[in-house]
N, C-alpha and C. Protein backbone atom coordinates (compact mmCIF):
# COMPACT_ATOMS: atom_id res chain seq x y z
N MET A 1 89.71 -39.24 -34.64
CA MET A 1 88.62 -39.86 -33.93
C MET A 1 88.61 -41.36 -34.27
N LYS A 2 88.41 -42.15 -33.27
CA LYS A 2 88.42 -43.61 -33.43
C LYS A 2 87.04 -44.14 -33.77
N VAL A 3 87.04 -45.32 -34.36
CA VAL A 3 85.81 -46.02 -34.69
C VAL A 3 85.80 -47.34 -33.93
N ILE A 4 84.69 -47.64 -33.27
CA ILE A 4 84.55 -48.89 -32.55
C ILE A 4 83.31 -49.59 -33.07
N THR A 5 83.43 -50.88 -33.33
CA THR A 5 82.29 -51.70 -33.74
C THR A 5 81.73 -52.39 -32.51
N ILE A 6 80.44 -52.30 -32.33
CA ILE A 6 79.80 -52.97 -31.20
C ILE A 6 79.02 -54.15 -31.74
N ARG A 7 79.35 -55.34 -31.25
CA ARG A 7 78.67 -56.55 -31.69
C ARG A 7 77.72 -57.03 -30.62
N GLY A 8 76.76 -57.83 -31.01
CA GLY A 8 75.88 -58.48 -30.05
C GLY A 8 74.71 -57.64 -29.60
N LEU A 9 74.34 -56.64 -30.37
CA LEU A 9 73.17 -55.83 -30.03
C LEU A 9 71.91 -56.60 -30.42
N ASP A 10 71.06 -56.87 -29.44
CA ASP A 10 69.82 -57.57 -29.78
C ASP A 10 68.78 -56.57 -30.28
N ASP A 11 67.70 -57.10 -30.83
CA ASP A 11 66.68 -56.26 -31.45
C ASP A 11 66.06 -55.26 -30.48
N SER A 12 65.83 -55.67 -29.24
CA SER A 12 65.19 -54.77 -28.28
C SER A 12 66.11 -53.59 -27.94
N LEU A 13 67.41 -53.84 -27.87
CA LEU A 13 68.35 -52.77 -27.58
C LEU A 13 68.42 -51.78 -28.74
N VAL A 14 68.48 -52.30 -29.95
CA VAL A 14 68.52 -51.44 -31.14
C VAL A 14 67.24 -50.62 -31.23
N LYS A 15 66.11 -51.26 -30.95
CA LYS A 15 64.82 -50.56 -31.01
C LYS A 15 64.78 -49.43 -29.97
N ALA A 16 65.21 -49.71 -28.73
CA ALA A 16 65.21 -48.71 -27.67
C ALA A 16 66.14 -47.56 -28.02
N LEU A 17 67.29 -47.87 -28.58
CA LEU A 17 68.25 -46.85 -28.98
C LEU A 17 67.68 -45.94 -30.06
N LYS A 18 67.05 -46.55 -31.05
CA LYS A 18 66.45 -45.76 -32.13
C LYS A 18 65.28 -44.91 -31.62
N GLU A 19 64.50 -45.45 -30.69
CA GLU A 19 63.39 -44.68 -30.12
C GLU A 19 63.91 -43.48 -29.35
N ARG A 20 64.96 -43.68 -28.56
CA ARG A 20 65.55 -42.58 -27.80
C ARG A 20 66.08 -41.51 -28.74
N ALA A 21 66.74 -41.93 -29.81
CA ALA A 21 67.28 -40.99 -30.79
C ALA A 21 66.16 -40.18 -31.42
N LYS A 22 65.06 -40.84 -31.75
CA LYS A 22 63.92 -40.15 -32.35
C LYS A 22 63.31 -39.14 -31.38
N GLN A 23 63.18 -39.53 -30.11
CA GLN A 23 62.63 -38.63 -29.10
C GLN A 23 63.49 -37.39 -28.93
N GLU A 24 64.80 -37.57 -28.96
CA GLU A 24 65.73 -36.46 -28.76
C GLU A 24 66.00 -35.69 -30.05
N GLY A 25 65.57 -36.25 -31.17
CA GLY A 25 65.76 -35.57 -32.45
C GLY A 25 67.22 -35.55 -32.91
N ILE A 26 67.97 -36.58 -32.54
CA ILE A 26 69.37 -36.68 -32.95
C ILE A 26 69.62 -38.07 -33.52
N SER A 27 70.80 -38.24 -34.08
CA SER A 27 71.13 -39.53 -34.71
C SER A 27 71.30 -40.62 -33.65
N THR A 28 71.18 -41.86 -34.12
CA THR A 28 71.39 -43.00 -33.24
C THR A 28 72.82 -43.01 -32.72
N ASN A 29 73.77 -42.68 -33.56
CA ASN A 29 75.17 -42.65 -33.15
C ASN A 29 75.39 -41.61 -32.05
N LEU A 30 74.86 -40.41 -32.22
CA LEU A 30 75.02 -39.37 -31.22
C LEU A 30 74.32 -39.74 -29.92
N THR A 31 73.18 -40.38 -30.02
CA THR A 31 72.47 -40.86 -28.82
C THR A 31 73.33 -41.85 -28.06
N LEU A 32 73.92 -42.79 -28.76
CA LEU A 32 74.79 -43.78 -28.13
C LEU A 32 76.00 -43.13 -27.50
N LEU A 33 76.58 -42.14 -28.15
CA LEU A 33 77.72 -41.43 -27.57
C LEU A 33 77.32 -40.72 -26.27
N HIS A 34 76.16 -40.08 -26.27
CA HIS A 34 75.68 -39.41 -25.05
C HIS A 34 75.50 -40.41 -23.91
N ILE A 35 74.91 -41.55 -24.21
CA ILE A 35 74.68 -42.57 -23.18
C ILE A 35 76.01 -43.08 -22.62
N ILE A 36 76.96 -43.36 -23.49
CA ILE A 36 78.27 -43.85 -23.04
C ILE A 36 78.97 -42.81 -22.17
N LYS A 37 78.96 -41.55 -22.61
CA LYS A 37 79.61 -40.49 -21.83
C LYS A 37 78.95 -40.33 -20.46
N GLU A 38 77.63 -40.39 -20.41
CA GLU A 38 76.93 -40.27 -19.13
C GLU A 38 77.31 -41.42 -18.19
N ARG A 39 77.29 -42.63 -18.71
CA ARG A 39 77.57 -43.81 -17.88
C ARG A 39 79.02 -43.84 -17.40
N LEU A 40 79.93 -43.28 -18.18
CA LEU A 40 81.34 -43.24 -17.77
C LEU A 40 81.65 -42.02 -16.91
N GLY A 41 80.65 -41.17 -16.70
CA GLY A 41 80.85 -39.98 -15.88
C GLY A 41 81.59 -38.87 -16.58
N LEU A 42 81.63 -38.94 -17.90
CA LEU A 42 82.31 -37.91 -18.68
C LEU A 42 81.38 -36.76 -19.05
N LYS A 43 80.10 -36.99 -18.92
CA LYS A 43 79.11 -35.95 -19.22
C LYS A 43 78.09 -35.99 -18.09
N LYS A 44 77.98 -34.90 -17.41
CA LYS A 44 77.04 -34.84 -16.31
C LYS A 44 75.65 -34.53 -16.83
N LYS A 45 74.66 -35.16 -16.23
CA LYS A 45 73.28 -34.83 -16.56
C LYS A 45 72.96 -33.47 -15.98
N PRO A 46 72.23 -32.63 -16.71
CA PRO A 46 71.85 -31.32 -16.16
C PRO A 46 70.94 -31.51 -14.95
N ARG A 47 71.19 -30.73 -13.93
CA ARG A 47 70.38 -30.81 -12.72
C ARG A 47 69.23 -29.83 -12.81
N ASN A 48 68.07 -30.31 -12.48
CA ASN A 48 66.90 -29.45 -12.40
C ASN A 48 66.65 -29.17 -10.93
N VAL A 49 66.92 -27.94 -10.54
CA VAL A 49 66.73 -27.57 -9.15
C VAL A 49 65.36 -26.92 -9.01
N ILE A 50 64.56 -27.49 -8.14
CA ILE A 50 63.23 -26.95 -7.90
C ILE A 50 63.23 -26.30 -6.52
N HIS A 51 62.97 -25.02 -6.52
CA HIS A 51 62.92 -24.31 -5.25
C HIS A 51 61.48 -24.29 -4.75
N ASN A 52 61.32 -24.54 -3.48
CA ASN A 52 59.98 -24.49 -2.90
C ASN A 52 59.98 -23.75 -1.57
N ASP A 53 60.98 -22.88 -1.37
CA ASP A 53 61.11 -22.20 -0.09
C ASP A 53 60.06 -21.11 0.12
N LEU A 54 59.32 -20.73 -0.90
CA LEU A 54 58.27 -19.73 -0.75
C LEU A 54 56.87 -20.31 -0.91
N ASP A 55 56.79 -21.62 -0.97
CA ASP A 55 55.49 -22.28 -1.16
C ASP A 55 54.48 -21.91 -0.09
N HIS A 56 54.95 -21.68 1.13
CA HIS A 56 54.02 -21.36 2.22
C HIS A 56 53.30 -20.03 2.00
N LEU A 57 53.80 -19.21 1.07
CA LEU A 57 53.15 -17.92 0.79
C LEU A 57 52.11 -18.01 -0.33
N ALA A 58 52.09 -19.10 -1.04
CA ALA A 58 51.19 -19.22 -2.17
C ALA A 58 49.73 -19.11 -1.73
N GLU A 59 48.98 -18.33 -2.45
CA GLU A 59 47.55 -18.13 -2.25
C GLU A 59 47.19 -17.63 -0.85
N THR A 60 48.07 -16.81 -0.27
CA THR A 60 47.79 -16.28 1.07
C THR A 60 47.30 -14.84 1.04
N TRP A 61 47.39 -14.16 -0.12
CA TRP A 61 46.96 -12.78 -0.20
C TRP A 61 45.45 -12.70 -0.37
N ASN A 62 44.89 -11.67 0.23
CA ASN A 62 43.48 -11.36 -0.02
C ASN A 62 43.43 -10.07 -0.84
N ASP A 63 42.24 -9.56 -1.12
CA ASP A 63 42.11 -8.37 -1.97
C ASP A 63 42.77 -7.15 -1.37
N SER A 64 42.69 -6.98 -0.07
CA SER A 64 43.31 -5.80 0.55
C SER A 64 44.83 -5.89 0.49
N ASP A 65 45.40 -7.08 0.60
CA ASP A 65 46.84 -7.24 0.45
C ASP A 65 47.29 -6.87 -0.95
N LEU A 66 46.52 -7.31 -1.94
CA LEU A 66 46.83 -6.97 -3.32
C LEU A 66 46.75 -5.46 -3.54
N TYR A 67 45.71 -4.85 -3.05
CA TYR A 67 45.53 -3.40 -3.19
C TYR A 67 46.72 -2.67 -2.58
N GLU A 68 47.13 -3.06 -1.39
CA GLU A 68 48.25 -2.42 -0.70
C GLU A 68 49.55 -2.60 -1.49
N PHE A 69 49.75 -3.77 -2.03
CA PHE A 69 50.95 -4.04 -2.82
C PHE A 69 50.98 -3.16 -4.07
N VAL A 70 49.88 -3.12 -4.80
CA VAL A 70 49.81 -2.32 -6.02
C VAL A 70 50.04 -0.86 -5.70
N LYS A 71 49.46 -0.38 -4.62
CA LYS A 71 49.62 1.02 -4.21
C LYS A 71 51.10 1.33 -3.93
N ARG A 72 51.79 0.42 -3.27
CA ARG A 72 53.18 0.67 -2.90
C ARG A 72 54.15 0.57 -4.07
N ILE A 73 53.81 -0.19 -5.11
CA ILE A 73 54.74 -0.31 -6.25
C ILE A 73 54.38 0.62 -7.40
N LYS A 74 53.35 1.43 -7.23
CA LYS A 74 52.88 2.32 -8.30
C LYS A 74 54.01 3.21 -8.82
N ASP A 75 54.85 3.73 -7.93
CA ASP A 75 55.93 4.62 -8.34
C ASP A 75 56.97 3.91 -9.22
N PHE A 76 57.10 2.61 -9.11
CA PHE A 76 58.07 1.89 -9.93
C PHE A 76 57.67 1.87 -11.40
N ALA A 77 56.43 2.10 -11.70
CA ALA A 77 55.95 2.05 -13.08
C ALA A 77 56.22 3.38 -13.80
N LYS A 78 56.57 4.42 -13.06
CA LYS A 78 56.80 5.74 -13.67
C LYS A 78 58.13 5.77 -14.39
N THR A 79 58.14 6.47 -15.53
CA THR A 79 59.37 6.71 -16.25
C THR A 79 59.75 8.17 -16.09
N ASP A 80 60.91 8.55 -16.56
CA ASP A 80 61.35 9.94 -16.46
C ASP A 80 60.37 10.88 -17.17
N GLU A 81 59.78 10.40 -18.25
CA GLU A 81 58.84 11.23 -19.03
C GLU A 81 57.55 11.46 -18.26
N ASP A 82 57.18 10.55 -17.36
CA ASP A 82 55.95 10.67 -16.60
C ASP A 82 56.04 11.71 -15.48
N GLN A 83 57.23 12.02 -15.04
CA GLN A 83 57.39 12.90 -13.88
C GLN A 83 57.29 14.36 -14.22
């Protein structure tokens, strides 16, 4: 593994780097390695996929819909010992 010295880091950059390391709970060196890998495209950022294709169904059930649903899934709660 190689060692590289980085010169010319101003106080605000060092402070930001140390703050990021503290937030992530890792060393300053490891934080810098992560940043370099991300910027060079060697480490992809994890994608957070948010699905919202069922949002139109949210809060549309009434009490009778709930009752009907519970009635229809009642058999799924049975085990072999219950039969």
